[in-house]
Each structure stands twice: as C-alpha cells, then as structure tokens.
Amino acid sequence: LGFGLLFFGLEIMETRFLPLGQSEFFRGTHSFLLDMPVTCVLIGALITFLVQSGSAAIGVILAMAGSGFIGFEQAAAMTLGEVVGTLALASIGAIGGTLTAKRTVFFYGVIAVFAVAGVLLFFPFYLVAVSLITPGFSEGIAHFGNVFSSSQFQPVAARAVANSYTLFSVILVVFSLPLIGIFARSARKILPVKGDLDIEPQPRYLDFRVFNTPSLAFLQAENELKRMAQVAHSMVDDTLEQFYGFNAKRASQIKQKENLLDVLQKEISGFLVLLARQSLTSEKSGEIPVFLSTVNDLEGIGDTCETIVDCLRRKK
C-alpha cells in the first residue's frame, strides 16, 4: 500500500507541475534562475531540507523533471543538492549528540562537499556518462532537441535523472570507501576528546580479525582492560567528589562512564571467549579466566558507583 501511494503521489505532483512548466512566467525566469548548476544544487538542498527527507526530495525532483517543469540538466544538478541538504539535516541532528555523531557528520560533510564540487567541475562529462547508461536518451536529444520542450521525451528525462542520482551514489561510494580507514584514524586528531578519557560507549583497541595471532589479540585485550580500569578509577574519584558537593553534570558523566563499562564488559568478554577457542599455550589459556574475572570486578565497581550516586541524588 505504501509503495503504491508513493507512485500515486509522484503522479499527482507531475500533473500539478505540468501547467507551471508551460507558464510564460516560468519560461522567462528559467534562463537566469536555473541555468547555473550551482543554483540548482542549492535549490535541491533547500528542497531536501524542507521535506526533511532525501528520498522524498528525489521524488519531488523526479516529478518536476517528468512533468517538464525543469530540464534534465537542472534536475541532475538538483539531485546533487540532495547530498548537501542531507548534510544540513545531519548537522542539526548532531547538535548535543555524542562525539562519535559529530565526527560522523564532519566526515560526511567533507565527503559530500568534495564529491559535489568534483562533479560540478566536470559536469558536462558527468551528463555524458548519464546519457550513456540511459537507453533512448541520446536518440531523444537528437530527435526532440531540448528536454524541456517535448512532452514525449519527459519520461526518458525522468529516467535519466534517476540514473544520474544512481551514478553519483556509486561514484561517491567508490571514492570514499577506501578512505574510511584514514578518516577513522584522523578523527581523534581533528575532533579530539575533551578531558582525559574517551567515554564513547565502544571498544577502542579490540579487533576481531586478529584471532589468528593470539599475541596481538592478548595485547589488544590488555589495552582495553587498562582503559576499563582507568574509567573505573575515574568513576571512584568522581563519586567521592559528590560527597563534598553534589554536581548534576558530574553525575551525568558518571552515568556515561558506567554505560561505557557495561559495553566494554560485553565486548571484552566476547572477545576473550572467542580467543579461548584458538590454539593457545597453557600460560595464555590461564590468563583468560583472570581477565574475565577482572572485567567483571571493574564492571561491578561501576555499578556500585552508580548506586552511590543515586543515593546521593535522593539525599540531596
């Protein structure tokens, strides 16, 4: 039902845009308003921001192209603006979010801006590539001339717009995927952690791909365990400070650290259980129960600190 309503809505938009495409006023403003690709990108970003959905914005742009309201080149540039509009939505969503969320939005912005700028720089070649993957597009151009002027060519133009967005998405993935490791490693330098500890609820050192090298796996588990101990130690210090002066912000940080300890307990325990299935020396096999016991003790310290803070909050 939802899938059918989607296309029903697109059909309604196409029929409503059709009179506007034939308007003399629109034809008069078309030359200076939409002939610049950068302007079309900004309009596409604005549409995405207003409808609060990238997929819905693409649907609106397809409806405008299918009705002849805009030409193929303008619609293709507007689909690039969908990425910019999504960036604006993500930036608003990251306000007040975790450091990981802010880092994600930052690098998404870097990728989006460079991708859109790169396509605009070679925009004519980009349109040629789209025409090559759209059946009937080149024949339609040769037969009908301007995309905007022929109603018979509008369905082909809409298909070409959809293909342009698909092509751009593929290009974006192909060029950005190899850089993910670089982004991840540089994230801590570009957007550093405020304070002494990184309390993002995720492991920092564990890598489940190193089980074939137990020495490296044990080193990773040891580093993560040291981090867990540092977090637990800081929780004890913060909890003691609450006795002398209750601070709501500090209490919130204690809660975040306790959540981190819960996550680390689960991740380290699972990591050690999988590591125990490997071929290990007797010495290494004996270290795994010690590590597991230490992980549980540290998590118990975190639970105790959280309980004490709750008692101090009720006392206050």
C-alpha atoms as a PDB file:
ATOM      1  CA  LEU A   1       0.000   0.000   0.000  1.00  0.00           C
ATOM      2  CA  GLY A   2       2.763   2.422   0.938  1.00  0.00           C
ATOM      3  CA  PHE A   3       4.709   1.615  -2.227  1.00  0.00           C
ATOM      4  CA  GLY A   4       1.629   2.248  -4.358  1.00  0.00           C
ATOM      5  CA  LEU A   5       0.854   5.517  -2.596  1.00  0.00           C
ATOM      6  CA  LEU A   6       4.396   6.671  -3.267  1.00  0.00           C
ATOM      7  CA  PHE A   7       3.964   6.399  -7.035  1.00  0.00           C
ATOM      8  CA  PHE A   8       0.428   7.759  -6.826  1.00  0.00           C
ATOM      9  CA  GLY A   9       1.821  10.843  -5.101  1.00  0.00           C
ATOM     10  CA  LEU A  10       4.528  11.236  -7.746  1.00  0.00           C
ATOM     11  CA  GLU A  11       1.890  11.055 -10.470  1.00  0.00           C
ATOM     12  CA  ILE A  12      -0.167  13.747  -8.744  1.00  0.00           C
ATOM     13  CA  MET A  13       2.885  16.012  -8.458  1.00  0.00           C
ATOM     14  CA  GLU A  14       3.720  15.516 -12.129  1.00  0.00           C
ATOM     15  CA  THR A  15       0.231  16.565 -13.218  1.00  0.00           C
ATOM     16  CA  ARG A  16       0.334  19.638 -10.933  1.00  0.00           C
ATOM     17  CA  PHE A  17       3.750  20.704 -12.173  1.00  0.00           C
ATOM     18  CA  LEU A  18       2.746  20.398 -15.841  1.00  0.00           C
ATOM     19  CA  PRO A  19       0.884  23.751 -16.099  1.00  0.00           C
ATOM     20  CA  LEU A  20       3.778  25.510 -14.366  1.00  0.00           C
ATOM     21  CA  GLY A  21       6.209  24.124 -16.914  1.00  0.00           C
ATOM     22  CA  GLN A  22       4.123  25.671 -19.704  1.00  0.00           C
ATOM     23  CA  SER A  23       3.849  29.034 -17.956  1.00  0.00           C
ATOM     24  CA  GLU A  24       5.373  32.009 -19.757  1.00  0.00           C
ATOM     25  CA  PHE A  25       6.430  33.464 -16.408  1.00  0.00           C
ATOM     26  CA  PHE A  26       8.416  30.349 -15.586  1.00  0.00           C
ATOM     27  CA  ARG A  27       9.969  30.283 -19.035  1.00  0.00           C
ATOM     28  CA  GLY A  28      11.056  33.879 -18.530  1.00  0.00           C
ATOM     29  CA  THR A  29      12.683  33.208 -15.170  1.00  0.00           C
ATOM     30  CA  HIS A  30      14.092  29.837 -16.194  1.00  0.00           C
ATOM     31  CA  SER A  31      17.054  31.291 -18.104  1.00  0.00           C
ATOM     32  CA  PHE A  32      18.618  33.180 -15.220  1.00  0.00           C
ATOM     33  CA  LEU A  33      17.373  31.132 -12.235  1.00  0.00           C
ATOM     34  CA  LEU A  34      18.127  27.537 -13.176  1.00  0.00           C
ATOM     35  CA  ASP A  35      20.780  27.698 -15.872  1.00  0.00           C
ATOM     36  CA  MET A  36      23.610  27.727 -13.315  1.00  0.00           C
ATOM     37  CA  PRO A  37      24.326  24.240 -11.880  1.00  0.00           C
ATOM     38  CA  VAL A  38      25.388  25.724  -8.539  1.00  0.00           C
ATOM     39  CA  THR A  39      21.985  27.412  -8.185  1.00  0.00           C
ATOM     40  CA  CYS A  40      20.252  24.121  -8.951  1.00  0.00           C
ATOM     41  CA  VAL A  41      22.365  22.358  -6.318  1.00  0.00           C
ATOM     42  CA  LEU A  42      21.296  24.927  -3.717  1.00  0.00           C
ATOM     43  CA  ILE A  43      17.639  24.543  -4.727  1.00  0.00           C
ATOM     44  CA  GLY A  44      17.926  20.771  -4.401  1.00  0.00           C
ATOM     45  CA  ALA A  45      19.474  21.203  -0.957  1.00  0.00           C
ATOM     46  CA  LEU A  46      16.638  23.546   0.046  1.00  0.00           C
ATOM     47  CA  ILE A  47      14.001  21.052  -1.126  1.00  0.00           C
ATOM     48  CA  THR A  48      15.686  18.286   0.876  1.00  0.00           C
ATOM     49  CA  PHE A  49      15.849  20.476   3.960  1.00  0.00           C
ATOM     50  CA  LEU A  50      12.191  21.495   3.684  1.00  0.00           C
ATOM     51  CA  VAL A  51      10.769  17.997   3.179  1.00  0.00           C
ATOM     52  CA  GLN A  52      13.196  16.562   5.793  1.00  0.00           C
ATOM     53  CA  SER A  53      13.944  13.532   3.631  1.00  0.00           C
ATOM     54  CA  GLY A  54      16.475  12.857   0.897  1.00  0.00           C
ATOM     55  CA  SER A  55      14.380  10.164  -0.792  1.00  0.00           C
ATOM     56  CA  ALA A  56      11.283  12.385  -0.741  1.00  0.00           C
ATOM     57  CA  ALA A  57      13.313  15.229  -2.251  1.00  0.00           C
ATOM     58  CA  ILE A  58      14.475  12.959  -5.078  1.00  0.00           C
ATOM     59  CA  GLY A  59      10.832  12.045  -5.657  1.00  0.00           C
ATOM     60  CA  VAL A  60       9.884  15.724  -5.954  1.00  0.00           C
ATOM     61  CA  ILE A  61      12.764  16.367  -8.375  1.00  0.00           C
ATOM     62  CA  LEU A  62      11.734  13.349 -10.479  1.00  0.00           C
ATOM     63  CA  ALA A  63       8.165  14.645 -10.576  1.00  0.00           C
ATOM     64  CA  MET A  64       9.350  18.069 -11.731  1.00  0.00           C
ATOM     65  CA  ALA A  65      11.535  16.513 -14.436  1.00  0.00           C
ATOM     66  CA  GLY A  66       8.819  14.094 -15.535  1.00  0.00           C
ATOM     67  CA  SER A  67       6.291  16.914 -15.960  1.00  0.00           C
ATOM     68  CA  GLY A  68       8.664  19.143 -17.896  1.00  0.00           C
ATOM     69  CA  PHE A  69       8.773  21.681 -15.088  1.00  0.00           C
ATOM     70  CA  ILE A  70      12.592  21.574 -15.250  1.00  0.00           C
ATOM     71  CA  GLY A  71      15.052  20.159 -17.746  1.00  0.00           C
ATOM     72  CA  PHE A  72      17.337  17.205 -17.344  1.00  0.00           C
ATOM     73  CA  GLU A  73      20.471  19.230 -16.595  1.00  0.00           C
ATOM     74  CA  GLN A  74      18.713  21.232 -13.887  1.00  0.00           C
ATOM     75  CA  ALA A  75      17.213  18.097 -12.322  1.00  0.00           C
ATOM     76  CA  ALA A  76      20.572  16.285 -12.366  1.00  0.00           C
ATOM     77  CA  ALA A  77      22.186  19.214 -10.548  1.00  0.00           C
ATOM     78  CA  MET A  78      19.331  19.279  -8.019  1.00  0.00           C
ATOM     79  CA  THR A  79      19.913  15.625  -7.171  1.00  0.00           C
ATOM     80  CA  LEU A  80      23.454  16.616  -6.176  1.00  0.00           C
ATOM     81  CA  GLY A  81      21.902  19.138  -3.809  1.00  0.00           C
ATOM     82  CA  GLU A  82      20.145  16.275  -2.013  1.00  0.00           C
ATOM     83  CA  VAL A  83      23.509  15.311  -0.514  1.00  0.00           C
ATOM     84  CA  VAL A  84      24.056  18.867   0.739  1.00  0.00           C
ATOM     85  CA  GLY A  85      20.542  19.037   2.179  1.00  0.00           C
ATOM     86  CA  THR A  86      21.033  15.727   3.963  1.00  0.00           C
ATOM     87  CA  LEU A  87      24.248  17.148   5.422  1.00  0.00           C
ATOM     88  CA  ALA A  88      22.290  20.082   6.851  1.00  0.00           C
ATOM     89  CA  LEU A  89      19.750  17.720   8.426  1.00  0.00           C
ATOM     90  CA  ALA A  90      22.513  15.544   9.882  1.00  0.00           C
ATOM     91  CA  SER A  91      24.298  18.605  11.280  1.00  0.00           C
ATOM     92  CA  ILE A  92      21.176  19.645  13.149  1.00  0.00           C
ATOM     93  CA  GLY A  93      20.724  16.105  14.425  1.00  0.00           C
ATOM     94  CA  ALA A  94      24.289  16.052  15.763  1.00  0.00           C
ATOM     95  CA  ILE A  95      23.733  19.124  17.954  1.00  0.00           C
ATOM     96  CA  GLY A  96      24.037  17.936  21.519  1.00  0.00           C
ATOM     97  CA  GLY A  97      24.959  14.450  20.329  1.00  0.00           C
ATOM     98  CA  THR A  98      27.933  12.301  21.150  1.00  0.00           C
ATOM     99  CA  LEU A  99      31.424  12.946  19.875  1.00  0.00           C
ATOM    100  CA  THR A 100      31.087   9.982  17.523  1.00  0.00           C
ATOM    101  CA  ALA A 101      27.982  11.529  15.980  1.00  0.00           C
ATOM    102  CA  LYS A 102      29.771  14.845  15.455  1.00  0.00           C
ATOM    103  CA  ARG A 103      32.768  13.108  13.897  1.00  0.00           C
ATOM    104  CA  THR A 104      30.458  11.182  11.577  1.00  0.00           C
ATOM    105  CA  VAL A 105      28.698  14.336  10.406  1.00  0.00           C
ATOM    106  CA  PHE A 106      32.014  16.139   9.942  1.00  0.00           C
ATOM    107  CA  PHE A 107      33.491  13.485   7.676  1.00  0.00           C
ATOM    108  CA  TYR A 108      30.201  13.041   5.845  1.00  0.00           C
ATOM    109  CA  GLY A 109      30.338  16.778   5.161  1.00  0.00           C
ATOM    110  CA  VAL A 110      33.900  16.541   3.860  1.00  0.00           C
ATOM    111  CA  ILE A 111      32.970  13.681   1.540  1.00  0.00           C
ATOM    112  CA  ALA A 112      29.754  15.365   0.353  1.00  0.00           C
ATOM    113  CA  VAL A 113      31.311  18.765  -0.367  1.00  0.00           C
ATOM    114  CA  PHE A 114      34.263  17.337  -2.267  1.00  0.00           C
ATOM    115  CA  ALA A 115      32.040  14.924  -4.206  1.00  0.00           C
ATOM    116  CA  VAL A 116      29.555  17.611  -5.274  1.00  0.00           C
ATOM    117  CA  ALA A 117      32.360  20.050  -6.133  1.00  0.00           C
ATOM    118  CA  GLY A 118      34.155  17.386  -8.168  1.00  0.00           C
ATOM    119  CA  VAL A 119      31.033  16.508 -10.176  1.00  0.00           C
ATOM    120  CA  LEU A 120      30.234  20.182 -10.820  1.00  0.00           C
ATOM    121  CA  LEU A 121      33.791  20.710 -12.024  1.00  0.00           C
ATOM    122  CA  PHE A 122      33.300  18.023 -14.675  1.00  0.00           C
ATOM    123  CA  PHE A 123      29.541  18.447 -15.042  1.00  0.00           C
ATOM    124  CA  PRO A 124      29.375  18.156 -18.870  1.00  0.00           C
ATOM    125  CA  PHE A 125      31.289  14.851 -18.754  1.00  0.00           C
ATOM    126  CA  TYR A 126      29.004  13.698 -15.931  1.00  0.00           C
ATOM    127  CA  LEU A 127      25.931  14.356 -18.110  1.00  0.00           C
ATOM    128  CA  VAL A 128      27.521  12.448 -20.980  1.00  0.00           C
ATOM    129  CA  ALA A 129      28.126   9.472 -18.661  1.00  0.00           C
ATOM    130  CA  VAL A 130      24.478   9.564 -17.596  1.00  0.00           C
ATOM    131  CA  SER A 131      23.331   9.599 -21.223  1.00  0.00           C
ATOM    132  CA  LEU A 132      25.440   6.514 -21.924  1.00  0.00           C
ATOM    133  CA  ILE A 133      23.672   4.475 -19.221  1.00  0.00           C
ATOM    134  CA  THR A 134      20.149   5.690 -20.100  1.00  0.00           C
ATOM    135  CA  PRO A 135      18.543   3.840 -23.031  1.00  0.00           C
ATOM    136  CA  GLY A 136      16.923   6.186 -25.543  1.00  0.00           C
ATOM    137  CA  PHE A 137      18.383   9.340 -24.049  1.00  0.00           C
ATOM    138  CA  SER A 138      20.762  10.246 -26.886  1.00  0.00           C
ATOM    139  CA  GLU A 139      18.112   9.415 -29.512  1.00  0.00           C
ATOM    140  CA  GLY A 140      15.615  11.614 -27.695  1.00  0.00           C
ATOM    141  CA  ILE A 141      18.007  14.555 -27.636  1.00  0.00           C
ATOM    142  CA  ALA A 142      18.703  14.186 -31.345  1.00  0.00           C
ATOM    143  CA  HIS A 143      15.005  13.859 -32.232  1.00  0.00           C
ATOM    144  CA  PHE A 144      13.306  16.269 -29.835  1.00  0.00           C
ATOM    145  CA  GLY A 145      16.082  18.751 -29.092  1.00  0.00           C
ATOM    146  CA  ASN A 146      15.576  20.461 -25.752  1.00  0.00           C
ATOM    147  CA  VAL A 147      14.357  18.161 -22.985  1.00  0.00           C
ATOM    148  CA  PHE A 148      12.181  20.931 -21.624  1.00  0.00           C
ATOM    149  CA  SER A 149      10.183  21.396 -24.802  1.00  0.00           C
ATOM    150  CA  SER A 150       8.885  17.904 -25.553  1.00  0.00           C
ATOM    151  CA  SER A 151       6.306  16.021 -23.501  1.00  0.00           C
ATOM    152  CA  GLN A 152       7.187  12.780 -25.319  1.00  0.00           C
ATOM    153  CA  PHE A 153      10.732  12.965 -24.041  1.00  0.00           C
ATOM    154  CA  GLN A 154       9.824  13.737 -20.402  1.00  0.00           C
ATOM    155  CA  PRO A 155       9.598  10.069 -19.211  1.00  0.00           C
ATOM    156  CA  VAL A 156      13.062   9.426 -20.670  1.00  0.00           C
ATOM    157  CA  ALA A 157      14.322  12.578 -18.945  1.00  0.00           C
ATOM    158  CA  ALA A 158      12.926  11.396 -15.601  1.00  0.00           C
ATOM    159  CA  ARG A 159      14.658   8.038 -16.062  1.00  0.00           C
ATOM    160  CA  ALA A 160      17.898   9.865 -16.873  1.00  0.00           C
ATOM    161  CA  VAL A 161      17.564  11.923 -13.682  1.00  0.00           C
ATOM    162  CA  ALA A 162      17.101   8.751 -11.640  1.00  0.00           C
ATOM    163  CA  ASN A 163      20.139   7.223 -13.339  1.00  0.00           C
ATOM    164  CA  SER A 164      22.167  10.358 -12.624  1.00  0.00           C
ATOM    165  CA  TYR A 165      21.483  10.042  -8.914  1.00  0.00           C
ATOM    166  CA  THR A 166      22.377   6.339  -9.006  1.00  0.00           C
ATOM    167  CA  LEU A 167      25.608   7.100 -10.853  1.00  0.00           C
ATOM    168  CA  PHE A 168      26.526   9.827  -8.376  1.00  0.00           C
ATOM    169  CA  SER A 169      25.856   7.497  -5.443  1.00  0.00           C
ATOM    170  CA  VAL A 170      28.077   4.800  -6.929  1.00  0.00           C
ATOM    171  CA  ILE A 171      30.866   7.319  -7.586  1.00  0.00           C
ATOM    172  CA  LEU A 172      30.537   8.615  -4.020  1.00  0.00           C
ATOM    173  CA  VAL A 173      30.896   5.123  -2.550  1.00  0.00           C
ATOM    174  CA  VAL A 174      33.744   4.048  -4.829  1.00  0.00           C
ATOM    175  CA  PHE A 175      35.881   7.072  -3.983  1.00  0.00           C
ATOM    176  CA  SER A 176      35.033   7.370  -0.276  1.00  0.00           C
ATOM    177  CA  LEU A 177      35.132   3.707   0.770  1.00  0.00           C
ATOM    178  CA  PRO A 178      38.945   3.363   0.548  1.00  0.00           C
ATOM    179  CA  LEU A 179      39.326   6.489   2.701  1.00  0.00           C
ATOM    180  CA  ILE A 180      37.263   5.267   5.646  1.00  0.00           C
ATOM    181  CA  GLY A 181      40.323   3.956   7.478  1.00  0.00           C
ATOM    182  CA  ILE A 182      42.086   7.299   7.064  1.00  0.00           C
ATOM    183  CA  PHE A 183      39.047   9.166   8.346  1.00  0.00           C
ATOM    184  CA  ALA A 184      38.727   6.876  11.355  1.00  0.00           C
ATOM    185  CA  ARG A 185      42.393   7.270  12.313  1.00  0.00           C
ATOM    186  CA  SER A 186      42.394  11.034  11.882  1.00  0.00           C
ATOM    187  CA  ALA A 187      39.085  11.587  13.686  1.00  0.00           C
ATOM    188  CA  ARG A 188      40.696  11.758  17.115  1.00  0.00           C
ATOM    189  CA  LYS A 189      43.156  14.415  15.931  1.00  0.00           C
ATOM    190  CA  ILE A 190      40.687  16.587  14.049  1.00  0.00           C
ATOM    191  CA  LEU A 191      37.971  16.386  16.718  1.00  0.00           C
ATOM    192  CA  PRO A 192      39.884  15.490  19.901  1.00  0.00           C
ATOM    193  CA  VAL A 193      38.315  14.298  23.123  1.00  0.00           C
ATOM    194  CA  LYS A 194      37.729  16.964  25.744  1.00  0.00           C
ATOM    195  CA  GLY A 195      39.213  15.770  29.010  1.00  0.00           C
ATOM    196  CA  ASP A 196      41.444  12.866  29.912  1.00  0.00           C
ATOM    197  CA  LEU A 197      39.181   9.974  28.930  1.00  0.00           C
ATOM    198  CA  ASP A 198      37.257   8.988  25.858  1.00  0.00           C
ATOM    199  CA  ILE A 199      33.892   7.790  27.188  1.00  0.00           C
ATOM    200  CA  GLU A 200      32.322   6.877  23.886  1.00  0.00           C
ATOM    201  CA  PRO A 201      30.479   3.573  24.553  1.00  0.00           C
ATOM    202  CA  GLN A 202      32.576   1.409  22.263  1.00  0.00           C
ATOM    203  CA  PRO A 203      35.863  -0.506  22.426  1.00  0.00           C
ATOM    204  CA  ARG A 204      38.938   1.298  21.165  1.00  0.00           C
ATOM    205  CA  TYR A 205      41.558  -1.438  20.795  1.00  0.00           C
ATOM    206  CA  LEU A 206      39.694  -4.673  20.039  1.00  0.00           C
ATOM    207  CA  ASP A 207      39.919  -6.058  16.527  1.00  0.00           C
ATOM    208  CA  PHE A 208      38.165  -9.365  15.920  1.00  0.00           C
ATOM    209  CA  ARG A 209      40.292 -10.028  12.822  1.00  0.00           C
ATOM    210  CA  VAL A 210      43.491 -10.810  14.768  1.00  0.00           C
ATOM    211  CA  PHE A 211      42.459 -14.107  16.381  1.00  0.00           C
ATOM    212  CA  ASN A 212      44.932 -15.947  14.189  1.00  0.00           C
ATOM    213  CA  THR A 213      47.677 -14.043  16.017  1.00  0.00           C
ATOM    214  CA  PRO A 214      46.943 -14.671  19.714  1.00  0.00           C
ATOM    215  CA  SER A 215      49.825 -12.488  20.916  1.00  0.00           C
ATOM    216  CA  LEU A 216      48.293  -9.438  19.232  1.00  0.00           C
ATOM    217  CA  ALA A 217      44.833 -10.387  20.433  1.00  0.00           C
ATOM    218  CA  PHE A 218      46.025 -10.606  24.047  1.00  0.00           C
ATOM    219  CA  LEU A 219      47.769  -7.252  23.703  1.00  0.00           C
ATOM    220  CA  GLN A 220      44.542  -5.679  22.461  1.00  0.00           C
ATOM    221  CA  ALA A 221      42.547  -7.213  25.301  1.00  0.00           C
ATOM    222  CA  GLU A 222      45.107  -5.983  27.815  1.00  0.00           C
ATOM    223  CA  ASN A 223      44.988  -2.421  26.443  1.00  0.00           C
ATOM    224  CA  GLU A 224      41.184  -2.415  26.534  1.00  0.00           C
ATOM    225  CA  LEU A 225      41.277  -3.777  30.077  1.00  0.00           C
ATOM    226  CA  LYS A 226      43.647  -0.977  31.116  1.00  0.00           C
ATOM    227  CA  ARG A 227      41.264   1.540  29.609  1.00  0.00           C
ATOM    228  CA  MET A 228      38.395  -0.043  31.514  1.00  0.00           C
ATOM    229  CA  ALA A 229      40.404   0.211  34.743  1.00  0.00           C
ATOM    230  CA  GLN A 230      41.127   3.897  34.095  1.00  0.00           C
ATOM    231  CA  VAL A 231      37.429   4.589  33.573  1.00  0.00           C
ATOM    232  CA  ALA A 232      36.524   2.740  36.785  1.00  0.00           C
ATOM    233  CA  HIS A 233      39.230   4.642  38.713  1.00  0.00           C
ATOM    234  CA  SER A 234      37.894   7.978  37.455  1.00  0.00           C
ATOM    235  CA  MET A 235      34.361   6.925  38.435  1.00  0.00           C
ATOM    236  CA  VAL A 236      35.519   6.302  42.014  1.00  0.00           C
ATOM    237  CA  ASP A 237      37.179   9.740  42.135  1.00  0.00           C
ATOM    238  CA  ASP A 238      34.087  11.450  40.735  1.00  0.00           C
ATOM    239  CA  THR A 239      31.838   9.606  43.180  1.00  0.00           C
ATOM    240  CA  LEU A 240      33.980  10.708  46.135  1.00  0.00           C
ATOM    241  CA  GLU A 241      33.724  14.305  44.932  1.00  0.00           C
ATOM    242  CA  GLN A 242      29.938  14.015  45.009  1.00  0.00           C
ATOM    243  CA  PHE A 243      30.076  13.577  48.795  1.00  0.00           C
ATOM    244  CA  TYR A 244      31.608  17.031  49.213  1.00  0.00           C
ATOM    245  CA  GLY A 245      29.471  18.806  46.639  1.00  0.00           C
ATOM    246  CA  PHE A 246      26.808  17.172  44.501  1.00  0.00           C
ATOM    247  CA  ASN A 247      27.113  18.186  40.862  1.00  0.00           C
ATOM    248  CA  ALA A 248      24.468  17.179  38.319  1.00  0.00           C
ATOM    249  CA  LYS A 249      26.892  17.384  35.392  1.00  0.00           C
ATOM    250  CA  ARG A 250      29.377  15.152  37.186  1.00  0.00           C
ATOM    251  CA  ALA A 251      26.574  12.711  37.975  1.00  0.00           C
ATOM    252  CA  SER A 252      25.695  12.581  34.284  1.00  0.00           C
ATOM    253  CA  GLN A 253      29.326  11.839  33.428  1.00  0.00           C
ATOM    254  CA  ILE A 254      29.382   9.010  35.967  1.00  0.00           C
ATOM    255  CA  LYS A 255      26.314   7.551  34.306  1.00  0.00           C
ATOM    256  CA  GLN A 256      28.010   7.740  30.895  1.00  0.00           C
ATOM    257  CA  LYS A 257      31.122   6.050  32.248  1.00  0.00           C
ATOM    258  CA  GLU A 258      29.021   3.288  33.789  1.00  0.00           C
ATOM    259  CA  ASN A 259      27.396   2.744  30.406  1.00  0.00           C
ATOM    260  CA  LEU A 260      30.878   2.530  28.871  1.00  0.00           C
ATOM    261  CA  LEU A 261      31.906  -0.112  31.428  1.00  0.00           C
ATOM    262  CA  ASP A 262      28.814  -2.158  30.572  1.00  0.00           C
ATOM    263  CA  VAL A 263      29.687  -2.056  26.875  1.00  0.00           C
ATOM    264  CA  LEU A 264      33.353  -2.888  27.500  1.00  0.00           C
ATOM    265  CA  GLN A 265      32.416  -5.807  29.748  1.00  0.00           C
ATOM    266  CA  LYS A 266      30.284  -7.295  26.999  1.00  0.00           C
ATOM    267  CA  GLU A 267      32.814  -6.675  24.222  1.00  0.00           C
ATOM    268  CA  ILE A 268      35.914  -7.798  26.133  1.00  0.00           C
ATOM    269  CA  SER A 269      34.176 -10.901  27.471  1.00  0.00           C
ATOM    270  CA  GLY A 270      33.009 -11.895  23.993  1.00  0.00           C
ATOM    271  CA  PHE A 271      36.469 -11.204  22.629  1.00  0.00           C
ATOM    272  CA  LEU A 272      38.112 -13.394  25.264  1.00  0.00           C
ATOM    273  CA  VAL A 273      35.615 -16.232  24.784  1.00  0.00           C
ATOM    274  CA  LEU A 274      36.354 -16.322  21.057  1.00  0.00           C
ATOM    275  CA  LEU A 275      40.077 -16.101  21.777  1.00  0.00           C
ATOM    276  CA  ALA A 276      39.840 -19.098  24.143  1.00  0.00           C
ATOM    277  CA  ARG A 277      38.742 -21.255  21.188  1.00  0.00           C
ATOM    278  CA  GLN A 278      42.069 -20.695  19.444  1.00  0.00           C
ATOM    279  CA  SER A 279      45.178 -22.836  19.885  1.00  0.00           C
ATOM    280  CA  LEU A 280      46.841 -21.226  22.909  1.00  0.00           C
ATOM    281  CA  THR A 281      49.709 -22.057  25.211  1.00  0.00           C
ATOM    282  CA  SER A 282      48.897 -23.165  28.749  1.00  0.00           C
ATOM    283  CA  GLU A 283      50.124 -19.813  30.085  1.00  0.00           C
ATOM    284  CA  LYS A 284      47.830 -17.810  27.795  1.00  0.00           C
ATOM    285  CA  SER A 285      44.918 -20.127  28.478  1.00  0.00           C
ATOM    286  CA  GLY A 286      45.337 -19.463  32.192  1.00  0.00           C
ATOM    287  CA  GLU A 287      45.265 -15.695  31.680  1.00  0.00           C
ATOM    288  CA  ILE A 288      41.789 -15.696  30.113  1.00  0.00           C
ATOM    289  CA  PRO A 289      39.870 -16.529  33.370  1.00  0.00           C
ATOM    290  CA  VAL A 290      41.892 -13.837  35.168  1.00  0.00           C
ATOM    291  CA  PHE A 291      40.990 -11.292  32.509  1.00  0.00           C
ATOM    292  CA  LEU A 292      37.305 -12.275  32.665  1.00  0.00           C
ATOM    293  CA  SER A 293      37.265 -12.005  36.461  1.00  0.00           C
ATOM    294  CA  THR A 294      38.924  -8.585  36.318  1.00  0.00           C
ATOM    295  CA  VAL A 295      36.429  -7.358  33.732  1.00  0.00           C
ATOM    296  CA  ASN A 296      33.514  -8.410  35.929  1.00  0.00           C
ATOM    297  CA  ASP A 297      35.081  -6.780  39.007  1.00  0.00           C
ATOM    298  CA  LEU A 298      35.610  -3.479  37.216  1.00  0.00           C
ATOM    299  CA  GLU A 299      32.053  -3.506  35.925  1.00  0.00           C
ATOM    300  CA  GLY A 300      30.881  -4.197  39.490  1.00  0.00           C
ATOM    301  CA  ILE A 301      32.817  -1.140  40.698  1.00  0.00           C
ATOM    302  CA  GLY A 302      30.971   0.928  38.108  1.00  0.00           C
ATOM    303  CA  ASP A 303      27.596  -0.408  39.259  1.00  0.00           C
ATOM    304  CA  THR A 304      28.480   0.396  42.886  1.00  0.00           C
ATOM    305  CA  CYS A 305      29.469   3.961  41.988  1.00  0.00           C
ATOM    306  CA  GLU A 306      26.216   4.451  40.111  1.00  0.00           C
ATOM    307  CA  THR A 307      24.240   3.160  43.108  1.00  0.00           C
ATOM    308  CA  ILE A 308      26.064   5.543  45.460  1.00  0.00           C
ATOM    309  CA  VAL A 309      25.396   8.494  43.159  1.00  0.00           C
ATOM    310  CA  ASP A 310      21.689   7.604  43.048  1.00  0.00           C
ATOM    311  CA  CYS A 311      21.633   7.539  46.847  1.00  0.00           C
ATOM    312  CA  LEU A 312      23.360  10.935  46.988  1.00  0.00           C
ATOM    313  CA  ARG A 313      20.851  12.322  44.498  1.00  0.00           C
ATOM    314  CA  ARG A 314      17.924  11.153  46.645  1.00  0.00           C
ATOM    315  CA  LYS A 315      19.667  12.558  49.727  1.00  0.00           C
ATOM    316  CA  LYS A 316      20.071  15.931  48.059  1.00  0.00           C
END
